[in-house]
């Protein structure tokens, strides 16, 4: 399969339109205003970080899935099972406590790493964009199917 310039252009447009998803759109004004307050090019740096993160994660996951022979439906099925499992887990306060205990070391390590970063300036906003892109990447998903 070969891709022309139109394919790349439509892919870029689809990527821009993903900011209209309900899990991203409400946060854009807050993030952009804080990015501009951090540096005059902060909004551009934040957007570049998100775009880089989306691109790298998308390519790596697609390559990983293709190398294993998995298709998008398999990933969606696994994601749906995990989503339902976490939903069931959250119905019990005892199970929630056990999950919190099991994940507390990871959470503590993540908090420790984040405390080392400063998100001031353009480099900080780019770093924040990388982190936000990795968190928001599940919101992107495949929206359109080719006939």
Foldseek 3Di string as FASTA:
>chain_A
DDDDPVNVVVVVVLVVCLCVFPVRVVCVVVLQVVLCVQDVCRNVLLVLLLVVLLVVVVVVVVVVCVVVPHDPVVVVVVVVVVVVVVVVQVVDPVSVVVVCVVCVVVVVVVVVVVVVADLHDSVSSSVVSNVVNVVCNVSSDDDDDDD
